[in-house]
């Protein structure tokens, strides 16, 4: 038996000595990197994740996603504007906020307390937001006090976007 070295008077065996000491012949075992490469070559990452049960996280619900959004990063005040102006300004503001990669914005419509008739802007803005949500330009929106007629502002949550998608949202010049 050949000792490759001693540590605290205990002989250290090399690979060949280990096999001969225990009466077994050394096998031609592949090294760990070779074995790993061989095993990974016959599978792909999707099958590995499927076999291991995936990343282990279930997708977030819409409510959980909204809780991760920051407070409003910018706001638009529509006091004193007509319905048509408010609609145009809302659409442009949302496109610019998306291009700037904002996640949460506030649009102030007012409650209509100084109007001669019923409040017009909350309905106009809500209609425009529904339209933009159908186009996937916004993820969700919610009136600050829970109800449109009690609130004077709406929070708008923008989807996370890739760089190219945000550039496509800018209006044509």
N, C-alpha and C. Protein backbone atom coordinates (compact mmCIF):
# COMPACT_ATOMS: atom_id res chain seq x y z
N UNK A 1 0.85 -1.17 0.00
CA UNK A 1 0.00 0.00 0.00
C UNK A 1 0.89 1.24 0.00
N UNK A 2 0.64 2.10 -0.95
CA UNK A 2 1.42 3.32 -1.07
C UNK A 2 0.64 4.45 -0.41
N UNK A 3 1.31 5.15 0.42
CA UNK A 3 0.64 6.27 1.08
C UNK A 3 0.98 7.55 0.34
N UNK A 4 -0.06 8.30 0.04
CA UNK A 4 0.14 9.54 -0.68
C UNK A 4 0.50 10.67 0.28
N UNK A 5 0.38 10.46 1.56
CA UNK A 5 0.71 11.49 2.53
C UNK A 5 0.10 11.14 3.87
N UNK A 6 0.51 11.80 4.91
CA UNK A 6 -0.04 11.54 6.24
C UNK A 6 -0.59 12.82 6.82
N UNK A 7 -1.69 12.66 7.52
CA UNK A 7 -2.24 13.78 8.25
C UNK A 7 -2.59 13.24 9.62
N UNK A 8 -1.90 13.73 10.62
CA UNK A 8 -2.09 13.26 11.99
C UNK A 8 -1.90 11.75 12.09
N UNK A 9 -0.87 11.28 11.42
CA UNK A 9 -0.48 9.87 11.44
C UNK A 9 -1.51 8.93 10.85
N UNK A 10 -2.44 9.41 10.08
CA UNK A 10 -3.39 8.56 9.37
C UNK A 10 -2.96 8.55 7.92
N UNK A 11 -2.73 7.35 7.38
CA UNK A 11 -2.28 7.32 5.98
C UNK A 11 -3.38 7.79 5.03
N UNK A 12 -2.98 8.52 4.03
CA UNK A 12 -3.90 8.98 3.01
C UNK A 12 -3.68 8.15 1.77
N UNK A 13 -4.75 7.62 1.25
CA UNK A 13 -4.66 6.73 0.10
C UNK A 13 -5.04 7.47 -1.17
N UNK A 14 -4.35 7.16 -2.26
CA UNK A 14 -4.82 7.70 -3.53
C UNK A 14 -5.86 6.74 -4.10
N UNK A 15 -6.40 7.03 -5.24
CA UNK A 15 -7.51 6.27 -5.82
C UNK A 15 -7.15 4.79 -6.01
N UNK A 16 -5.97 4.53 -6.56
CA UNK A 16 -5.55 3.15 -6.81
C UNK A 16 -5.38 2.39 -5.50
N UNK A 17 -4.76 3.01 -4.51
CA UNK A 17 -4.55 2.37 -3.22
C UNK A 17 -5.88 2.06 -2.54
N UNK A 18 -6.84 2.94 -2.68
CA UNK A 18 -8.15 2.73 -2.05
C UNK A 18 -8.79 1.45 -2.56
N UNK A 19 -8.79 1.28 -3.88
CA UNK A 19 -9.42 0.10 -4.46
C UNK A 19 -8.66 -1.18 -4.08
N UNK A 20 -7.34 -1.13 -4.08
CA UNK A 20 -6.58 -2.34 -3.74
C UNK A 20 -6.70 -2.67 -2.26
N UNK A 21 -6.85 -1.67 -1.40
CA UNK A 21 -6.99 -1.91 0.04
C UNK A 21 -8.29 -2.63 0.36
N UNK A 22 -9.31 -2.40 -0.42
CA UNK A 22 -10.61 -3.03 -0.16
C UNK A 22 -10.92 -4.18 -1.11
N UNK A 23 -9.95 -4.60 -1.87
CA UNK A 23 -10.08 -5.77 -2.70
C UNK A 23 -10.95 -5.59 -3.92
N UNK A 24 -11.16 -4.39 -4.36
CA UNK A 24 -11.99 -4.14 -5.54
C UNK A 24 -11.11 -3.56 -6.63
N UNK A 25 -11.46 -3.86 -7.84
CA UNK A 25 -10.72 -3.31 -8.97
C UNK A 25 -11.29 -1.94 -9.32
N UNK A 26 -10.45 -0.99 -9.64
CA UNK A 26 -10.98 0.32 -10.01
C UNK A 26 -11.79 0.24 -11.29
N UNK A 27 -12.86 0.95 -11.30
CA UNK A 27 -13.71 1.00 -12.50
C UNK A 27 -13.35 2.25 -13.28
N UNK A 28 -13.61 2.20 -14.55
CA UNK A 28 -13.40 3.39 -15.36
C UNK A 28 -14.63 4.26 -15.24
N UNK A 29 -14.69 4.98 -14.16
CA UNK A 29 -15.84 5.86 -13.92
C UNK A 29 -15.60 7.20 -14.60
N UNK A 30 -16.62 7.71 -15.23
CA UNK A 30 -16.45 9.04 -15.83
C UNK A 30 -16.36 10.09 -14.72
N UNK A 31 -15.72 11.17 -15.02
CA UNK A 31 -15.62 12.25 -14.04
C UNK A 31 -17.00 12.92 -13.90
N UNK A 32 -17.15 13.68 -12.85
CA UNK A 32 -18.43 14.36 -12.62
C UNK A 32 -18.82 15.25 -13.81
N UNK A 33 -17.91 16.08 -14.30
CA UNK A 33 -18.31 16.92 -15.47
C UNK A 33 -18.74 16.09 -16.68
N UNK A 34 -18.04 14.96 -16.91
CA UNK A 34 -18.42 14.10 -18.04
C UNK A 34 -19.81 13.51 -17.83
N UNK A 35 -20.07 13.03 -16.62
CA UNK A 35 -21.37 12.44 -16.30
C UNK A 35 -22.48 13.49 -16.40
N UNK A 36 -22.23 14.68 -15.91
CA UNK A 36 -23.22 15.75 -15.98
C UNK A 36 -23.53 16.12 -17.42
N UNK A 37 -22.50 16.26 -18.22
CA UNK A 37 -22.71 16.60 -19.63
C UNK A 37 -23.49 15.51 -20.36
N UNK A 38 -23.18 14.27 -20.06
CA UNK A 38 -23.87 13.14 -20.70
C UNK A 38 -25.37 13.16 -20.33
N UNK A 39 -25.67 13.39 -19.06
CA UNK A 39 -27.07 13.41 -18.62
C UNK A 39 -27.84 14.61 -19.15
N UNK A 40 -27.19 15.76 -19.19
CA UNK A 40 -27.87 16.96 -19.69
C UNK A 40 -28.05 16.93 -21.20
N UNK A 41 -27.21 16.20 -21.89
CA UNK A 41 -27.29 16.14 -23.35
C UNK A 41 -28.57 15.47 -23.82
N UNK A 42 -29.12 14.57 -23.01
CA UNK A 42 -30.32 13.87 -23.48
C UNK A 42 -31.60 14.49 -22.97
N UNK A 43 -31.53 15.66 -22.37
CA UNK A 43 -32.73 16.32 -21.89
C UNK A 43 -32.60 17.82 -22.08
N UNK A 44 -33.68 18.54 -21.92
CA UNK A 44 -33.64 19.99 -22.01
C UNK A 44 -34.14 20.58 -20.69
N UNK A 45 -34.02 21.89 -20.55
CA UNK A 45 -34.34 22.55 -19.29
C UNK A 45 -35.82 22.40 -18.93
N UNK A 46 -36.70 22.40 -19.93
CA UNK A 46 -38.13 22.26 -19.64
C UNK A 46 -38.44 20.91 -19.01
N UNK A 47 -37.83 19.86 -19.54
CA UNK A 47 -38.10 18.55 -18.97
C UNK A 47 -37.49 18.42 -17.58
N UNK A 48 -36.35 19.05 -17.36
CA UNK A 48 -35.75 19.02 -16.02
C UNK A 48 -36.67 19.72 -15.03
N UNK A 49 -37.16 20.90 -15.39
CA UNK A 49 -38.07 21.63 -14.49
C UNK A 49 -39.36 20.85 -14.27
N UNK A 50 -39.87 20.22 -15.31
CA UNK A 50 -41.09 19.42 -15.17
C UNK A 50 -40.85 18.26 -14.21
N UNK A 51 -39.69 17.61 -14.36
CA UNK A 51 -39.34 16.48 -13.49
C UNK A 51 -39.17 16.94 -12.04
N UNK A 52 -38.62 18.10 -11.85
CA UNK A 52 -38.38 18.61 -10.50
C UNK A 52 -39.57 19.38 -9.95
N UNK A 53 -40.64 19.48 -10.69
CA UNK A 53 -41.84 20.16 -10.20
C UNK A 53 -41.86 21.64 -10.54
N UNK A 54 -41.11 22.07 -11.51
CA UNK A 54 -41.13 23.46 -11.94
C UNK A 54 -40.40 24.35 -10.95
N UNK A 55 -40.49 25.65 -11.16
CA UNK A 55 -39.78 26.58 -10.30
C UNK A 55 -40.34 26.62 -8.88
N UNK A 56 -41.49 26.00 -8.65
CA UNK A 56 -42.02 25.93 -7.30
C UNK A 56 -42.91 27.10 -6.91
N UNK A 57 -43.13 28.02 -7.79
CA UNK A 57 -43.98 29.16 -7.48
C UNK A 57 -45.21 29.13 -8.36
N UNK A 58 -46.34 29.37 -7.75
CA UNK A 58 -47.54 29.51 -8.56
C UNK A 58 -47.62 30.94 -9.06
N UNK A 59 -48.25 31.17 -10.19
CA UNK A 59 -48.35 32.54 -10.71
C UNK A 59 -49.15 33.41 -9.74
N UNK A 60 -48.79 34.70 -9.71
CA UNK A 60 -49.48 35.64 -8.83
C UNK A 60 -50.88 35.94 -9.37
N UNK A 61 -51.82 36.12 -8.47
CA UNK A 61 -53.16 36.54 -8.87
C UNK A 61 -53.10 38.03 -9.23
N UNK A 62 -54.13 38.52 -9.91
CA UNK A 62 -54.16 39.95 -10.27
C UNK A 62 -54.09 40.82 -9.02
N UNK A 63 -54.77 40.42 -7.96
CA UNK A 63 -54.75 41.19 -6.70
C UNK A 63 -53.33 41.24 -6.13
N UNK A 64 -52.63 40.11 -6.15
CA UNK A 64 -51.26 40.08 -5.65
C UNK A 64 -50.34 40.93 -6.52
N UNK A 65 -50.56 40.92 -7.83
CA UNK A 65 -49.76 41.76 -8.71
C UNK A 65 -49.96 43.23 -8.39
N UNK A 66 -51.22 43.64 -8.17
CA UNK A 66 -51.51 45.05 -7.86
C UNK A 66 -50.86 45.48 -6.55
N UNK A 67 -50.76 44.58 -5.59
CA UNK A 67 -50.13 44.92 -4.32
C UNK A 67 -48.64 45.19 -4.47
N UNK A 68 -48.05 44.67 -5.54
CA UNK A 68 -46.62 44.89 -5.76
C UNK A 68 -46.33 46.19 -6.51
N UNK A 69 -47.36 46.89 -6.97
CA UNK A 69 -47.18 48.13 -7.72
C UNK A 69 -46.76 49.26 -6.77
N UNK A 70 -45.95 50.20 -7.26
CA UNK A 70 -45.54 51.34 -6.44
C UNK A 70 -46.68 52.35 -6.31
N UNK A 71 -46.55 53.31 -5.39
CA UNK A 71 -47.53 54.40 -5.34
C UNK A 71 -47.45 55.22 -6.63
N UNK A 72 -48.43 56.08 -6.89
CA UNK A 72 -48.41 56.84 -8.15
C UNK A 72 -47.09 57.57 -8.38
N UNK A 73 -46.59 57.43 -9.58
CA UNK A 73 -45.31 58.02 -9.94
C UNK A 73 -45.49 59.34 -10.69
N UNK A 74 -46.69 59.58 -11.20
CA UNK A 74 -47.00 60.82 -11.92
C UNK A 74 -48.51 60.99 -11.91
N UNK A 75 -48.96 62.24 -12.09
CA UNK A 75 -50.41 62.45 -12.13
C UNK A 75 -50.79 63.49 -13.18
N UNK A 76 -52.02 63.35 -13.62
CA UNK A 76 -52.60 64.26 -14.61
C UNK A 76 -53.85 64.87 -13.98
N UNK A 77 -53.93 66.20 -13.95
CA UNK A 77 -55.09 66.90 -13.39
C UNK A 77 -55.95 67.41 -14.55
N UNK A 78 -57.18 66.93 -14.62
CA UNK A 78 -58.09 67.28 -15.72
C UNK A 78 -59.11 68.35 -15.35
N UNK A 79 -58.98 68.96 -14.18
CA UNK A 79 -59.93 70.02 -13.79
C UNK A 79 -60.01 71.08 -14.88
N UNK A 80 -61.23 71.47 -15.21
CA UNK A 80 -61.44 72.55 -16.17
C UNK A 80 -61.42 72.14 -17.62
N UNK A 81 -61.22 70.87 -17.93
CA UNK A 81 -61.18 70.42 -19.32
C UNK A 81 -62.54 69.89 -19.75
N UNK A 82 -62.79 69.94 -21.04
CA UNK A 82 -64.02 69.36 -21.58
C UNK A 82 -63.85 67.85 -21.68
N UNK A 83 -64.92 67.16 -21.96
CA UNK A 83 -64.88 65.71 -22.09
C UNK A 83 -63.92 65.25 -23.19
N UNK A 84 -63.98 65.90 -24.35
CA UNK A 84 -63.10 65.54 -25.47
C UNK A 84 -61.63 65.78 -25.14
N UNK A 85 -61.36 66.92 -24.51
CA UNK A 85 -59.98 67.22 -24.11
C UNK A 85 -59.49 66.20 -23.10
N UNK A 86 -60.34 65.85 -22.14
CA UNK A 86 -59.96 64.90 -21.10
C UNK A 86 -59.65 63.53 -21.70
N UNK A 87 -60.44 63.13 -22.67
CA UNK A 87 -60.23 61.83 -23.31
C UNK A 87 -58.88 61.80 -24.04
N UNK A 88 -58.59 62.84 -24.80
CA UNK A 88 -57.31 62.91 -25.52
C UNK A 88 -56.13 62.98 -24.57
N UNK A 89 -56.24 63.84 -23.55
CA UNK A 89 -55.14 63.99 -22.60
C UNK A 89 -54.89 62.69 -21.82
N UNK A 90 -55.96 61.98 -21.49
CA UNK A 90 -55.82 60.71 -20.77
C UNK A 90 -55.06 59.71 -21.62
N UNK A 91 -55.44 59.55 -22.87
CA UNK A 91 -54.77 58.59 -23.76
C UNK A 91 -53.30 58.95 -23.95
N UNK A 92 -53.02 60.22 -24.19
CA UNK A 92 -51.63 60.65 -24.39
C UNK A 92 -50.80 60.48 -23.12
N UNK A 93 -51.40 60.81 -21.98
CA UNK A 93 -50.70 60.69 -20.70
C UNK A 93 -50.33 59.23 -20.43
N UNK A 94 -51.23 58.32 -20.70
CA UNK A 94 -50.97 56.90 -20.47
C UNK A 94 -49.88 56.40 -21.40
N UNK A 95 -49.92 56.81 -22.65
CA UNK A 95 -48.88 56.38 -23.60
C UNK A 95 -47.50 56.92 -23.19
N UNK A 96 -47.45 58.16 -22.75
CA UNK A 96 -46.17 58.73 -22.32
C UNK A 96 -45.67 58.06 -21.05
N UNK A 97 -46.58 57.78 -20.12
CA UNK A 97 -46.19 57.10 -18.87
C UNK A 97 -45.65 55.71 -19.17
N UNK A 98 -46.27 55.00 -20.11
CA UNK A 98 -45.79 53.67 -20.49
C UNK A 98 -44.41 53.76 -21.12
N UNK A 99 -44.20 54.77 -21.97
CA UNK A 99 -42.89 54.94 -22.61
C UNK A 99 -41.81 55.26 -21.58
N UNK A 100 -42.19 55.94 -20.51
CA UNK A 100 -41.25 56.27 -19.44
C UNK A 100 -41.12 55.14 -18.42
N UNK A 101 -41.83 54.03 -18.69
CA UNK A 101 -41.81 52.83 -17.85
C UNK A 101 -42.36 53.06 -16.44
N UNK A 102 -43.30 54.00 -16.32
CA UNK A 102 -44.01 54.15 -15.05
C UNK A 102 -44.91 52.94 -14.87
N UNK A 103 -45.19 52.60 -13.64
CA UNK A 103 -46.05 51.46 -13.35
C UNK A 103 -47.42 51.92 -12.83
N UNK A 104 -47.44 53.01 -12.04
CA UNK A 104 -48.69 53.50 -11.44
C UNK A 104 -48.80 55.00 -11.68
N UNK A 105 -49.96 55.43 -12.15
CA UNK A 105 -50.21 56.86 -12.35
C UNK A 105 -51.59 57.20 -11.78
N UNK A 106 -51.80 58.49 -11.52
CA UNK A 106 -53.09 58.97 -11.01
C UNK A 106 -53.65 59.99 -12.00
N UNK A 107 -54.93 59.86 -12.27
CA UNK A 107 -55.62 60.82 -13.12
C UNK A 107 -56.70 61.47 -12.26
N UNK A 108 -56.60 62.79 -12.10
CA UNK A 108 -57.55 63.53 -11.27
C UNK A 108 -58.66 64.06 -12.17
N UNK A 109 -59.87 63.61 -11.91
CA UNK A 109 -61.03 64.04 -12.70
C UNK A 109 -61.85 65.07 -11.96
N UNK A 110 -61.76 65.09 -10.66
CA UNK A 110 -62.63 65.92 -9.83
C UNK A 110 -63.96 65.20 -9.64
N UNK A 111 -64.75 65.71 -8.71
CA UNK A 111 -66.03 65.09 -8.39
C UNK A 111 -67.19 65.78 -9.09
N UNK A 112 -66.92 66.88 -9.77
CA UNK A 112 -67.98 67.61 -10.44
C UNK A 112 -68.71 68.56 -9.52
N UNK A 113 -68.11 68.92 -8.40
CA UNK A 113 -68.76 69.81 -7.43
C UNK A 113 -68.97 71.22 -7.97
N UNK A 114 -68.16 71.64 -8.92
CA UNK A 114 -68.26 72.99 -9.47
C UNK A 114 -68.91 73.00 -10.85
N UNK A 115 -69.51 71.87 -11.23
CA UNK A 115 -70.17 71.78 -12.54
C UNK A 115 -71.61 72.24 -12.42
N UNK A 116 -72.16 72.71 -13.54
CA UNK A 116 -73.57 73.12 -13.57
C UNK A 116 -74.48 71.89 -13.51
N UNK A 117 -74.04 70.78 -14.05
CA UNK A 117 -74.84 69.55 -14.06
C UNK A 117 -74.05 68.44 -13.40
N UNK A 118 -74.38 67.21 -13.76
CA UNK A 118 -73.64 66.08 -13.19
C UNK A 118 -72.19 66.06 -13.71
N UNK A 119 -71.31 65.42 -12.95
CA UNK A 119 -69.90 65.32 -13.33
C UNK A 119 -69.77 64.54 -14.64
N UNK A 120 -69.04 65.11 -15.58
CA UNK A 120 -68.85 64.50 -16.90
C UNK A 120 -67.52 63.74 -16.97
N UNK A 121 -66.47 64.34 -16.41
CA UNK A 121 -65.13 63.79 -16.59
C UNK A 121 -64.95 62.37 -16.03
N UNK A 122 -65.49 62.03 -14.86
CA UNK A 122 -65.28 60.65 -14.39
C UNK A 122 -65.80 59.60 -15.37
N UNK A 123 -66.97 59.84 -15.96
CA UNK A 123 -67.53 58.89 -16.92
C UNK A 123 -66.70 58.83 -18.20
N UNK A 124 -66.27 59.98 -18.68
CA UNK A 124 -65.47 60.03 -19.91
C UNK A 124 -64.14 59.32 -19.71
N UNK A 125 -63.47 59.61 -18.59
CA UNK A 125 -62.17 59.00 -18.31
C UNK A 125 -62.32 57.50 -18.11
N UNK A 126 -63.36 57.08 -17.39
CA UNK A 126 -63.56 55.65 -17.17
C UNK A 126 -63.80 54.93 -18.50
N UNK A 127 -64.56 55.52 -19.37
CA UNK A 127 -64.78 54.93 -20.69
C UNK A 127 -63.49 54.78 -21.48
N UNK A 128 -62.66 55.80 -21.42
CA UNK A 128 -61.37 55.75 -22.13
C UNK A 128 -60.46 54.70 -21.51
N UNK A 129 -60.47 54.59 -20.18
CA UNK A 129 -59.64 53.58 -19.51
C UNK A 129 -60.08 52.16 -19.88
N UNK A 130 -61.36 51.95 -19.97
CA UNK A 130 -61.87 50.63 -20.37
C UNK A 130 -61.42 50.29 -21.79
N UNK A 131 -61.46 51.29 -22.65
CA UNK A 131 -61.01 51.11 -24.04
C UNK A 131 -59.52 50.76 -24.09
N UNK A 132 -58.71 51.49 -23.32
CA UNK A 132 -57.27 51.25 -23.30
C UNK A 132 -56.92 49.92 -22.63
N UNK A 133 -57.75 49.51 -21.68
CA UNK A 133 -57.53 48.21 -21.04
C UNK A 133 -57.81 47.08 -22.03
N UNK A 134 -58.84 47.24 -22.85
CA UNK A 134 -59.14 46.24 -23.87
C UNK A 134 -58.01 46.14 -24.89
N UNK A 135 -57.31 47.23 -25.11
CA UNK A 135 -56.15 47.25 -26.02
C UNK A 135 -54.87 46.80 -25.32
N UNK A 136 -54.96 46.44 -24.05
CA UNK A 136 -53.83 45.97 -23.24
C UNK A 136 -52.78 47.05 -22.99
N UNK A 137 -53.18 48.32 -23.07
CA UNK A 137 -52.27 49.42 -22.76
C UNK A 137 -52.22 49.70 -21.27
N UNK A 138 -53.25 49.25 -20.53
CA UNK A 138 -53.22 49.34 -19.08
C UNK A 138 -53.58 47.98 -18.51
N UNK A 139 -53.03 47.69 -17.33
CA UNK A 139 -53.29 46.41 -16.68
C UNK A 139 -54.62 46.48 -15.92
N UNK A 140 -54.81 47.56 -15.14
CA UNK A 140 -56.03 47.72 -14.35
C UNK A 140 -56.17 49.17 -13.94
N UNK A 141 -57.35 49.53 -13.45
CA UNK A 141 -57.55 50.85 -12.87
C UNK A 141 -58.55 50.73 -11.73
N UNK A 142 -58.45 51.66 -10.78
CA UNK A 142 -59.36 51.64 -9.62
C UNK A 142 -59.55 53.06 -9.12
N UNK A 143 -60.78 53.40 -8.78
CA UNK A 143 -61.07 54.71 -8.21
C UNK A 143 -60.51 54.75 -6.80
N UNK A 144 -59.91 55.87 -6.44
CA UNK A 144 -59.18 55.96 -5.17
C UNK A 144 -60.04 55.64 -3.95
N UNK A 145 -61.25 56.07 -3.89
CA UNK A 145 -62.09 55.80 -2.72
C UNK A 145 -63.03 54.63 -2.96
N UNK A 146 -62.73 53.83 -3.96
CA UNK A 146 -63.51 52.63 -4.21
C UNK A 146 -64.69 52.81 -5.14
N UNK A 147 -65.26 54.00 -5.19
CA UNK A 147 -66.40 54.27 -6.07
C UNK A 147 -66.13 55.53 -6.88
N UNK A 148 -66.54 55.50 -8.12
CA UNK A 148 -66.30 56.63 -9.02
C UNK A 148 -66.93 57.92 -8.50
N UNK A 149 -68.15 57.84 -7.98
CA UNK A 149 -68.86 59.07 -7.60
C UNK A 149 -68.43 59.62 -6.25
N UNK A 150 -67.65 58.84 -5.49
CA UNK A 150 -67.10 59.35 -4.23
C UNK A 150 -65.67 59.82 -4.41
N UNK A 151 -65.05 59.44 -5.51
CA UNK A 151 -63.64 59.74 -5.75
C UNK A 151 -63.50 60.90 -6.72
N UNK A 152 -62.37 61.55 -6.61
CA UNK A 152 -62.05 62.59 -7.57
C UNK A 152 -60.84 62.19 -8.40
N UNK A 153 -60.37 60.94 -8.20
CA UNK A 153 -59.17 60.50 -8.92
C UNK A 153 -59.21 58.99 -9.11
N UNK A 154 -58.53 58.56 -10.17
CA UNK A 154 -58.45 57.13 -10.49
C UNK A 154 -56.98 56.74 -10.59
N UNK A 155 -56.65 55.59 -10.02
CA UNK A 155 -55.30 55.04 -10.13
C UNK A 155 -55.25 54.11 -11.32
N UNK A 156 -54.22 54.24 -12.13
CA UNK A 156 -54.07 53.43 -13.33
C UNK A 156 -52.77 52.64 -13.19
N UNK A 157 -52.89 51.34 -13.40
CA UNK A 157 -51.74 50.43 -13.27
C UNK A 157 -51.35 49.97 -14.67
N UNK A 158 -50.12 50.27 -15.03
CA UNK A 158 -49.63 49.94 -16.37
C UNK A 158 -48.92 48.60 -16.36
N UNK A 159 -49.03 47.86 -17.47
CA UNK A 159 -48.34 46.56 -17.52
C UNK A 159 -46.84 46.76 -17.66
N UNK A 160 -46.09 45.76 -17.20
CA UNK A 160 -44.65 45.79 -17.38
C UNK A 160 -44.40 45.50 -18.86
N UNK A 161 -43.52 46.28 -19.47
CA UNK A 161 -43.34 46.16 -20.91
C UNK A 161 -41.88 46.03 -21.26
N UNK A 162 -41.65 45.37 -22.38
CA UNK A 162 -40.30 45.31 -22.95
C UNK A 162 -39.99 46.65 -23.57
N UNK A 163 -38.72 46.93 -23.79
CA UNK A 163 -38.30 48.22 -24.35
C UNK A 163 -38.96 48.51 -25.69
N UNK A 164 -39.01 47.54 -26.60
CA UNK A 164 -39.58 47.77 -27.92
C UNK A 164 -41.07 48.06 -27.84
N UNK A 165 -41.78 47.38 -26.93
CA UNK A 165 -43.22 47.59 -26.79
C UNK A 165 -43.51 48.99 -26.29
N UNK A 166 -42.71 49.50 -25.37
CA UNK A 166 -42.93 50.85 -24.84
C UNK A 166 -42.71 51.88 -25.94
N UNK A 167 -41.71 51.70 -26.79
CA UNK A 167 -41.46 52.64 -27.88
C UNK A 167 -42.63 52.66 -28.87
N UNK A 168 -43.27 51.52 -29.05
CA UNK A 168 -44.38 51.43 -29.98
C UNK A 168 -45.61 52.18 -29.47
N UNK A 169 -45.66 52.46 -28.16
CA UNK A 169 -46.81 53.14 -27.58
C UNK A 169 -46.78 54.65 -27.78
N UNK A 170 -45.62 55.18 -28.13
CA UNK A 170 -45.54 56.62 -28.33
C UNK A 170 -46.36 57.02 -29.55
N UNK A 171 -47.09 58.15 -29.45
CA UNK A 171 -47.89 58.57 -30.61
C UNK A 171 -47.00 58.96 -31.77
N UNK A 172 -47.50 58.79 -32.97
CA UNK A 172 -46.76 59.17 -34.17
C UNK A 172 -46.60 60.68 -34.21
N UNK A 173 -45.46 61.10 -34.68
CA UNK A 173 -45.19 62.55 -34.75
C UNK A 173 -45.26 63.03 -36.16
